[in-house]
């Protein structure tokens, strides 16, 4: 074997040894509650409940339809004016 091949084999052996030696890190299992978090005020980020999510989706859908209608109306007036 050449010196480059020997060096490469040694590097691979060392990398394999290092990978075997490092134990997996322990992660905490506790999830903090909204009251325990530092920003638990009125404007803190929390998950919405089912009825609130449905209401937000309905408002977003209605606003989108209204904006599409306004855009079509604007285009209709611009086309009428230019023609």
PDB file of N, CA and C in Angstrom:
ATOM      1  N   UNK A   1       0.832  -1.188   0.000  1.00  0.00           N
ATOM      2  CA  UNK A   1       0.000   0.000   0.000  1.00  0.00           C
ATOM      3  C   UNK A   1       0.871   1.244   0.000  1.00  0.00           C
ATOM      4  N   UNK A   2       0.354   2.251  -0.646  1.00  0.00           N
ATOM      5  CA  UNK A   2       1.110   3.500  -0.685  1.00  0.00           C
ATOM      6  C   UNK A   2       0.866   4.282   0.597  1.00  0.00           C
ATOM      7  N   UNK A   3       1.647   5.338   0.774  1.00  0.00           N
ATOM      8  CA  UNK A   3       1.514   6.135   1.996  1.00  0.00           C
ATOM      9  C   UNK A   3       0.164   6.862   2.040  1.00  0.00           C
ATOM     10  N   UNK A   4      -0.360   7.256   0.865  1.00  0.00           N
ATOM     11  CA  UNK A   4      -1.666   7.924   0.836  1.00  0.00           C
ATOM     12  C   UNK A   4      -2.777   6.957   1.247  1.00  0.00           C
ATOM     13  N   UNK A   5      -2.687   5.721   0.775  1.00  0.00           N
ATOM     14  CA  UNK A   5      -3.694   4.721   1.133  1.00  0.00           C
ATOM     15  C   UNK A   5      -3.640   4.395   2.616  1.00  0.00           C
ATOM     16  N   UNK A   6      -2.415   4.321   3.182  1.00  0.00           N
ATOM     17  CA  UNK A   6      -2.274   4.061   4.608  1.00  0.00           C
ATOM     18  C   UNK A   6      -2.852   5.212   5.432  1.00  0.00           C
ATOM     19  N   UNK A   7      -2.590   6.444   5.020  1.00  0.00           N
ATOM     20  CA  UNK A   7      -3.105   7.605   5.744  1.00  0.00           C
ATOM     21  C   UNK A   7      -4.636   7.637   5.680  1.00  0.00           C
ATOM     22  N   UNK A   8      -5.176   7.303   4.511  1.00  0.00           N
ATOM     23  CA  UNK A   8      -6.634   7.298   4.360  1.00  0.00           C
ATOM     24  C   UNK A   8      -7.254   6.210   5.242  1.00  0.00           C
ATOM     25  N   UNK A   9      -6.646   5.041   5.294  1.00  0.00           N
ATOM     26  CA  UNK A   9      -7.162   3.950   6.118  1.00  0.00           C
ATOM     27  C   UNK A   9      -7.094   4.315   7.603  1.00  0.00           C
ATOM     28  N   UNK A  10      -5.992   4.974   8.013  1.00  0.00           N
ATOM     29  CA  UNK A  10      -5.878   5.412   9.403  1.00  0.00           C
ATOM     30  C   UNK A  10      -6.948   6.452   9.745  1.00  0.00           C
ATOM     31  N   UNK A  11      -7.196   7.374   8.833  1.00  0.00           N
ATOM     32  CA  UNK A  11      -8.206   8.402   9.077  1.00  0.00           C
ATOM     33  C   UNK A  11      -9.598   7.786   9.190  1.00  0.00           C
ATOM     34  N   UNK A  12      -9.883   6.794   8.364  1.00  0.00           N
ATOM     35  CA  UNK A  12     -11.185   6.127   8.435  1.00  0.00           C
ATOM     36  C   UNK A  12     -11.326   5.352   9.737  1.00  0.00           C
ATOM     37  N   UNK A  13     -10.242   4.708  10.186  1.00  0.00           N
ATOM     38  CA  UNK A  13     -10.271   3.974  11.456  1.00  0.00           C
ATOM     39  C   UNK A  13     -10.513   4.928  12.629  1.00  0.00           C
ATOM     40  N   UNK A  14      -9.841   6.092  12.621  1.00  0.00           N
ATOM     41  CA  UNK A  14     -10.017   7.070  13.694  1.00  0.00           C
ATOM     42  C   UNK A  14     -11.437   7.629  13.697  1.00  0.00           C
ATOM     43  N   UNK A  15     -11.975   7.890  12.518  1.00  0.00           N
ATOM     44  CA  UNK A  15     -13.338   8.412  12.438  1.00  0.00           C
ATOM     45  C   UNK A  15     -14.346   7.387  12.957  1.00  0.00           C
ATOM     46  N   UNK A  16     -14.124   6.124  12.655  1.00  0.00           N
ATOM     47  CA  UNK A  16     -15.018   5.072  13.137  1.00  0.00           C
ATOM     48  C   UNK A  16     -14.925   4.948  14.654  1.00  0.00           C
ATOM     49  N   UNK A  17     -13.727   5.057  15.218  1.00  0.00           N
ATOM     50  CA  UNK A  17     -13.550   4.982  16.668  1.00  0.00           C
ATOM     51  C   UNK A  17     -14.241   6.153  17.364  1.00  0.00           C
ATOM     52  N   UNK A  18     -14.111   7.355  16.800  1.00  0.00           N
ATOM     53  CA  UNK A  18     -14.750   8.530  17.394  1.00  0.00           C
ATOM     54  C   UNK A  18     -16.266   8.400  17.356  1.00  0.00           C
ATOM     55  N   UNK A  19     -16.790   7.853  16.266  1.00  0.00           N
ATOM     56  CA  UNK A  19     -18.234   7.689  16.157  1.00  0.00           C
ATOM     57  C   UNK A  19     -18.744   6.681  17.171  1.00  0.00           C
ATOM     58  N   UNK A  20     -17.969   5.661  17.470  1.00  0.00           N
ATOM     59  CA  UNK A  20     -18.376   4.654  18.441  1.00  0.00           C
ATOM     60  C   UNK A  20     -18.280   5.166  19.867  1.00  0.00           C
ATOM     61  N   UNK A  21     -17.340   6.060  20.146  1.00  0.00           N
ATOM     62  CA  UNK A  21     -17.096   6.525  21.504  1.00  0.00           C
ATOM     63  C   UNK A  21     -18.120   7.549  21.992  1.00  0.00           C
ATOM     64  N   UNK A  22     -18.709   8.314  21.126  1.00  0.00           N
ATOM     65  CA  UNK A  22     -19.610   9.378  21.566  1.00  0.00           C
ATOM     66  C   UNK A  22     -20.987   8.804  21.890  1.00  0.00           C
ATOM     67  N   UNK A  23     -21.423   8.933  23.141  1.00  0.00           N
ATOM     68  CA  UNK A  23     -22.761   8.437  23.505  1.00  0.00           C
ATOM     69  C   UNK A  23     -23.829   9.439  23.029  1.00  0.00           C
ATOM     70  N   UNK A  24     -25.043   8.965  22.847  1.00  0.00           N
ATOM     71  CA  UNK A  24     -26.106   9.893  22.430  1.00  0.00           C
ATOM     72  C   UNK A  24     -26.421  10.887  23.544  1.00  0.00           C
ATOM     73  N   UNK A  25     -26.767  12.084  23.169  1.00  0.00           N
ATOM     74  CA  UNK A  25     -27.058  13.132  24.143  1.00  0.00           C
ATOM     75  C   UNK A  25     -28.453  12.925  24.725  1.00  0.00           C
ATOM     76  N   UNK A  26     -28.593  13.181  26.016  1.00  0.00           N
ATOM     77  CA  UNK A  26     -29.896  13.077  26.671  1.00  0.00           C
ATOM     78  C   UNK A  26     -30.652  14.387  26.484  1.00  0.00           C
ATOM     79  N   UNK A  27     -31.894  14.294  26.022  1.00  0.00           N
ATOM     80  CA  UNK A  27     -32.717  15.469  25.798  1.00  0.00           C
ATOM     81  C   UNK A  27     -33.823  15.533  26.842  1.00  0.00           C
ATOM     82  N   UNK A  28     -34.196  16.745  27.293  1.00  0.00           N
ATOM     83  CA  UNK A  28     -35.285  16.842  28.266  1.00  0.00           C
ATOM     84  C   UNK A  28     -36.626  16.494  27.619  1.00  0.00           C
ATOM     85  N   UNK A  29     -37.500  15.868  28.383  1.00  0.00           N
ATOM     86  CA  UNK A  29     -38.783  15.418  27.880  1.00  0.00           C
ATOM     87  C   UNK A  29     -39.896  16.384  28.283  1.00  0.00           C
ATOM     88  N   UNK A  30     -39.614  17.312  29.168  1.00  0.00           N
ATOM     89  CA  UNK A  30     -40.632  18.210  29.701  1.00  0.00           C
ATOM     90  C   UNK A  30     -40.939  19.307  28.693  1.00  0.00           C
ATOM     91  N   UNK A  31     -42.235  19.533  28.446  1.00  0.00           N
ATOM     92  CA  UNK A  31     -42.677  20.637  27.600  1.00  0.00           C
ATOM     93  C   UNK A  31     -43.210  21.739  28.501  1.00  0.00           C
ATOM     94  N   UNK A  32     -42.700  22.974  28.396  1.00  0.00           N
ATOM     95  CA  UNK A  32     -43.169  24.036  29.286  1.00  0.00           C
ATOM     96  C   UNK A  32     -44.615  24.415  28.969  1.00  0.00           C
ATOM     97  N   UNK A  33     -45.361  24.763  29.987  1.00  0.00           N
ATOM     98  CA  UNK A  33     -46.746  25.191  29.812  1.00  0.00           C
ATOM     99  C   UNK A  33     -46.783  26.674  29.481  1.00  0.00           C
ATOM    100  N   UNK A  34     -47.952  27.172  29.091  1.00  0.00           N
ATOM    101  CA  UNK A  34     -48.086  28.587  28.729  1.00  0.00           C
ATOM    102  C   UNK A  34     -47.873  29.480  29.947  1.00  0.00           C
ATOM    103  N   UNK A  35     -48.263  29.018  31.131  1.00  0.00           N
ATOM    104  CA  UNK A  35     -48.090  29.826  32.333  1.00  0.00           C
ATOM    105  C   UNK A  35     -46.630  29.884  32.761  1.00  0.00           C
ATOM    106  N   UNK A  36     -45.855  28.853  32.443  1.00  0.00           N
ATOM    107  CA  UNK A  36     -44.463  28.797  32.864  1.00  0.00           C
ATOM    108  C   UNK A  36     -43.540  29.541  31.908  1.00  0.00           C
ATOM    109  N   UNK A  37     -44.013  29.850  30.713  1.00  0.00           N
ATOM    110  CA  UNK A  37     -43.138  30.519  29.751  1.00  0.00           C
ATOM    111  C   UNK A  37     -42.981  31.988  30.114  1.00  0.00           C
ATOM    112  N   UNK A  38     -41.853  32.607  29.776  1.00  0.00           N
ATOM    113  CA  UNK A  38     -41.622  34.000  30.151  1.00  0.00           C
ATOM    114  C   UNK A  38     -42.578  34.976  29.467  1.00  0.00           C
ATOM    115  N   UNK A  39     -43.041  34.688  28.269  1.00  0.00           N
ATOM    116  CA  UNK A  39     -43.940  35.603  27.568  1.00  0.00           C
ATOM    117  C   UNK A  39     -45.380  35.161  27.662  1.00  0.00           C
ATOM    118  N   UNK A  40     -45.839  34.758  28.840  1.00  0.00           N
ATOM    119  CA  UNK A  40     -47.180  34.209  28.987  1.00  0.00           C
ATOM    120  C   UNK A  40     -48.222  35.304  29.164  1.00  0.00           C
ATOM    121  N   UNK A  41     -47.991  36.455  28.618  1.00  0.00           N
ATOM    122  CA  UNK A  41     -48.945  37.557  28.724  1.00  0.00           C
ATOM    123  C   UNK A  41     -50.081  37.412  27.727  1.00  0.00           C
ATOM    124  N   UNK A  42     -50.740  38.525  27.464  1.00  0.00           N
ATOM    125  CA  UNK A  42     -51.897  38.517  26.578  1.00  0.00           C
ATOM    126  C   UNK A  42     -51.512  38.217  25.137  1.00  0.00           C
ATOM    127  N   UNK A  43     -50.323  38.585  24.728  1.00  0.00           N
ATOM    128  CA  UNK A  43     -49.903  38.444  23.335  1.00  0.00           C
ATOM    129  C   UNK A  43     -49.004  37.233  23.110  1.00  0.00           C
ATOM    130  N   UNK A  44     -49.024  36.247  23.995  1.00  0.00           N
ATOM    131  CA  UNK A  44     -48.158  35.078  23.823  1.00  0.00           C
ATOM    132  C   UNK A  44     -48.700  34.178  22.725  1.00  0.00           C
ATOM    133  N   UNK A  45     -47.813  33.402  22.124  1.00  0.00           N
ATOM    134  CA  UNK A  45     -48.197  32.505  21.041  1.00  0.00           C
ATOM    135  C   UNK A  45     -48.687  31.192  21.630  1.00  0.00           C
ATOM    136  N   UNK A  46     -49.934  30.852  21.324  1.00  0.00           N
ATOM    137  CA  UNK A  46     -50.506  29.599  21.780  1.00  0.00           C
ATOM    138  C   UNK A  46     -51.310  29.001  20.648  1.00  0.00           C
ATOM    139  N   UNK A  47     -51.548  27.715  20.724  1.00  0.00           N
ATOM    140  CA  UNK A  47     -52.352  27.051  19.701  1.00  0.00           C
ATOM    141  C   UNK A  47     -53.815  27.451  19.865  1.00  0.00           C
ATOM    142  N   UNK A  48     -54.508  27.620  18.742  1.00  0.00           N
ATOM    143  CA  UNK A  48     -55.920  27.984  18.781  1.00  0.00           C
ATOM    144  C   UNK A  48     -56.774  26.741  18.958  1.00  0.00           C
ATOM    145  N   UNK A  49     -57.928  26.923  19.566  1.00  0.00           N
ATOM    146  CA  UNK A  49     -58.865  25.817  19.722  1.00  0.00           C
ATOM    147  C   UNK A  49     -59.637  25.629  18.429  1.00  0.00           C
ATOM    148  N   UNK A  50     -60.375  24.528  18.305  1.00  0.00           N
ATOM    149  CA  UNK A  50     -61.100  24.169  17.095  1.00  0.00           C
ATOM    150  C   UNK A  50     -62.029  25.251  16.570  1.00  0.00           C
ATOM    151  N   UNK A  51     -62.972  25.789  17.374  1.00  0.00           N
ATOM    152  CA  UNK A  51     -63.889  26.813  16.859  1.00  0.00           C
ATOM    153  C   UNK A  51     -63.171  28.084  16.403  1.00  0.00           C
ATOM    154  N   UNK A  52     -62.100  28.461  17.098  1.00  0.00           N
ATOM    155  CA  UNK A  52     -61.364  29.664  16.712  1.00  0.00           C
ATOM    156  C   UNK A  52     -60.675  29.463  15.363  1.00  0.00           C
ATOM    157  N   UNK A  53     -60.150  28.276  15.119  1.00  0.00           N
ATOM    158  CA  UNK A  53     -59.490  27.988  13.843  1.00  0.00           C
ATOM    159  C   UNK A  53     -60.505  28.057  12.709  1.00  0.00           C
ATOM    160  N   UNK A  54     -61.692  27.486  12.924  1.00  0.00           N
ATOM    161  CA  UNK A  54     -62.726  27.524  11.887  1.00  0.00           C
ATOM    162  C   UNK A  54     -63.137  28.964  11.581  1.00  0.00           C
ATOM    163  N   UNK A  55     -63.240  29.795  12.611  1.00  0.00           N
ATOM    164  CA  UNK A  55     -63.633  31.183  12.405  1.00  0.00           C
ATOM    165  C   UNK A  55     -62.563  31.928  11.611  1.00  0.00           C
ATOM    166  N   UNK A  56     -61.297  31.707  11.923  1.00  0.00           N
ATOM    167  CA  UNK A  56     -60.210  32.366  11.199  1.00  0.00           C
ATOM    168  C   UNK A  56     -60.210  31.924   9.741  1.00  0.00           C
ATOM    169  N   UNK A  57     -60.435  30.635   9.482  1.00  0.00           N
ATOM    170  CA  UNK A  57     -60.444  30.147   8.108  1.00  0.00           C
ATOM    171  C   UNK A  57     -61.610  30.749   7.325  1.00  0.00           C
ATOM    172  N   UNK A  58     -62.773  30.908   7.951  1.00  0.00           N
ATOM    173  CA  UNK A  58     -63.916  31.486   7.265  1.00  0.00           C
ATOM    174  C   UNK A  58     -63.668  32.954   6.950  1.00  0.00           C
ATOM    175  N   UNK A  59     -63.073  33.680   7.883  1.00  0.00           N
ATOM    176  CA  UNK A  59     -62.778  35.095   7.639  1.00  0.00           C
ATOM    177  C   UNK A  59     -61.767  35.230   6.516  1.00  0.00           C
ATOM    178  N   UNK A  60     -60.744  34.383   6.513  1.00  0.00           N
ATOM    179  CA  UNK A  60     -59.729  34.451   5.465  1.00  0.00           C
ATOM    180  C   UNK A  60     -60.332  34.142   4.098  1.00  0.00           C
ATOM    181  N   UNK A  61     -61.226  33.161   4.037  1.00  0.00           N
ATOM    182  CA  UNK A  61     -61.861  32.814   2.780  1.00  0.00           C
ATOM    183  C   UNK A  61     -62.732  33.957   2.283  1.00  0.00           C
ATOM    184  N   UNK A  62     -63.508  34.566   3.175  1.00  0.00           N
ATOM    185  CA  UNK A  62     -64.371  35.678   2.791  1.00  0.00           C
ATOM    186  C   UNK A  62     -63.565  36.883   2.323  1.00  0.00           C
ATOM    187  N   UNK A  63     -62.481  37.167   3.019  1.00  0.00           N
ATOM    188  CA  UNK A  63     -61.639  38.304   2.631  1.00  0.00           C
ATOM    189  C   UNK A  63     -60.996  38.046   1.267  1.00  0.00           C
ATOM    190  N   UNK A  64     -60.583  36.822   1.020  1.00  0.00           N
ATOM    191  CA  UNK A  64     -59.981  36.489  -0.274  1.00  0.00           C
ATOM    192  C   UNK A  64     -60.975  36.629  -1.412  1.00  0.00           C
ATOM    193  N   UNK A  65     -62.200  36.169  -1.198  1.00  0.00           N
ATOM    194  CA  UNK A  65     -63.231  36.293  -2.238  1.00  0.00           C
ATOM    195  C   UNK A  65     -63.542  37.763  -2.497  1.00  0.00           C
ATOM    196  N   UNK A  66     -63.634  38.554  -1.440  1.00  0.00           N
ATOM    197  CA  UNK A  66     -63.906  39.991  -1.606  1.00  0.00           C
ATOM    198  C   UNK A  66     -62.782  40.668  -2.388  1.00  0.00           C
ATOM    199  N   UNK A  67     -61.539  40.340  -2.093  1.00  0.00           N
ATOM    200  CA  UNK A  67     -60.415  40.950  -2.809  1.00  0.00           C
ATOM    201  C   UNK A  67     -60.390  40.544  -4.273  1.00  0.00           C
ATOM    202  N   UNK A  68     -60.745  39.298  -4.572  1.00  0.00           N
ATOM    203  CA  UNK A  68     -60.812  38.861  -5.966  1.00  0.00           C
ATOM    204  C   UNK A  68     -61.901  39.644  -6.694  1.00  0.00           C
ATOM    205  N   UNK A  69     -63.048  39.825  -6.033  1.00  0.00           N
ATOM    206  CA  UNK A  69     -64.134  40.604  -6.636  1.00  0.00           C
ATOM    207  C   UNK A  69     -63.724  42.039  -6.905  1.00  0.00           C
ATOM    208  N   UNK A  70     -63.033  42.658  -5.960  1.00  0.00           N
ATOM    209  CA  UNK A  70     -62.564  44.034  -6.165  1.00  0.00           C
ATOM    210  C   UNK A  70     -61.558  44.106  -7.310  1.00  0.00           C
ATOM    211  N   UNK A  71     -60.693  43.128  -7.403  1.00  0.00           N
ATOM    212  CA  UNK A  71     -59.714  43.114  -8.490  1.00  0.00           C
ATOM    213  C   UNK A  71     -60.371  42.964  -9.847  1.00  0.00           C
ATOM    214  N   UNK A  72     -61.359  42.092  -9.939  1.00  0.00           N
ATOM    215  CA  UNK A  72     -62.083  41.921 -11.211  1.00  0.00           C
ATOM    216  C   UNK A  72     -62.846  43.184 -11.580  1.00  0.00           C
ATOM    217  N   UNK A  73     -63.459  43.822 -10.575  1.00  0.00           N
ATOM    218  CA  UNK A  73     -64.159  45.081 -10.838  1.00  0.00           C
ATOM    219  C   UNK A  73     -63.204  46.157 -11.318  1.00  0.00           C
ATOM    220  N   UNK A  74     -62.035  46.247 -10.703  1.00  0.00           N
ATOM    221  CA  UNK A  74     -61.040  47.234 -11.135  1.00  0.00           C
ATOM    222  C   UNK A  74     -60.611  46.983 -12.572  1.00  0.00           C
ATOM    223  N   UNK A  75     -60.351  45.722 -12.904  1.00  0.00           N
ATOM    224  CA  UNK A  75     -59.954  45.406 -14.280  1.00  0.00           C
ATOM    225  C   UNK A  75     -61.067  45.708 -15.271  1.00  0.00           C
ATOM    226  N   UNK A  76     -62.317  45.449 -14.879  1.00  0.00           N
ATOM    227  CA  UNK A  76     -63.452  45.733 -15.772  1.00  0.00           C
ATOM    228  C   UNK A  76     -63.537  47.229 -16.062  1.00  0.00           C
ATOM    229  N   UNK A  77     -63.398  48.061 -15.047  1.00  0.00           N
ATOM    230  CA  UNK A  77     -63.454  49.515 -15.278  1.00  0.00           C
ATOM    231  C   UNK A  77     -62.265  49.980 -16.103  1.00  0.00           C
ATOM    232  N   UNK A  78     -61.088  49.422 -15.889  1.00  0.00           N
ATOM    233  CA  UNK A  78     -59.911  49.834 -16.682  1.00  0.00           C
ATOM    234  C   UNK A  78     -60.079  49.419 -18.146  1.00  0.00           C
ATOM    235  N   UNK A  79     -60.617  48.236 -18.388  1.00  0.00           N
ATOM    236  CA  UNK A  79     -60.815  47.806 -19.765  1.00  0.00           C
ATOM    237  C   UNK A  79     -61.900  48.622 -20.455  1.00  0.00           C
ATOM    238  N   UNK A  80     -62.939  48.982 -19.708  1.00  0.00           N
ATOM    239  CA  UNK A  80     -64.032  49.788 -20.278  1.00  0.00           C
ATOM    240  C   UNK A  80     -63.534  51.189 -20.633  1.00  0.00           C
ATOM    241  N   UNK A  81     -62.678  51.752 -19.751  1.00  0.00           N
ATOM    242  CA  UNK A  81     -62.182  53.103 -19.961  1.00  0.00           C
ATOM    243  C   UNK A  81     -61.219  53.140 -21.170  1.00  0.00           C
ATOM    244  N   UNK A  82     -60.409  52.104 -21.358  1.00  0.00           N
ATOM    245  CA  UNK A  82     -59.419  52.118 -22.423  1.00  0.00           C
ATOM    246  C   UNK A  82     -60.031  51.780 -23.782  1.00  0.00           C
ATOM    247  N   UNK A  83     -61.216  51.168 -23.814  1.00  0.00           N
ATOM    248  CA  UNK A  83     -61.801  50.710 -25.072  1.00  0.00           C
ATOM    249  C   UNK A  83     -62.688  51.663 -25.699  1.00  0.00           C
TER     250      UNK A  83
END
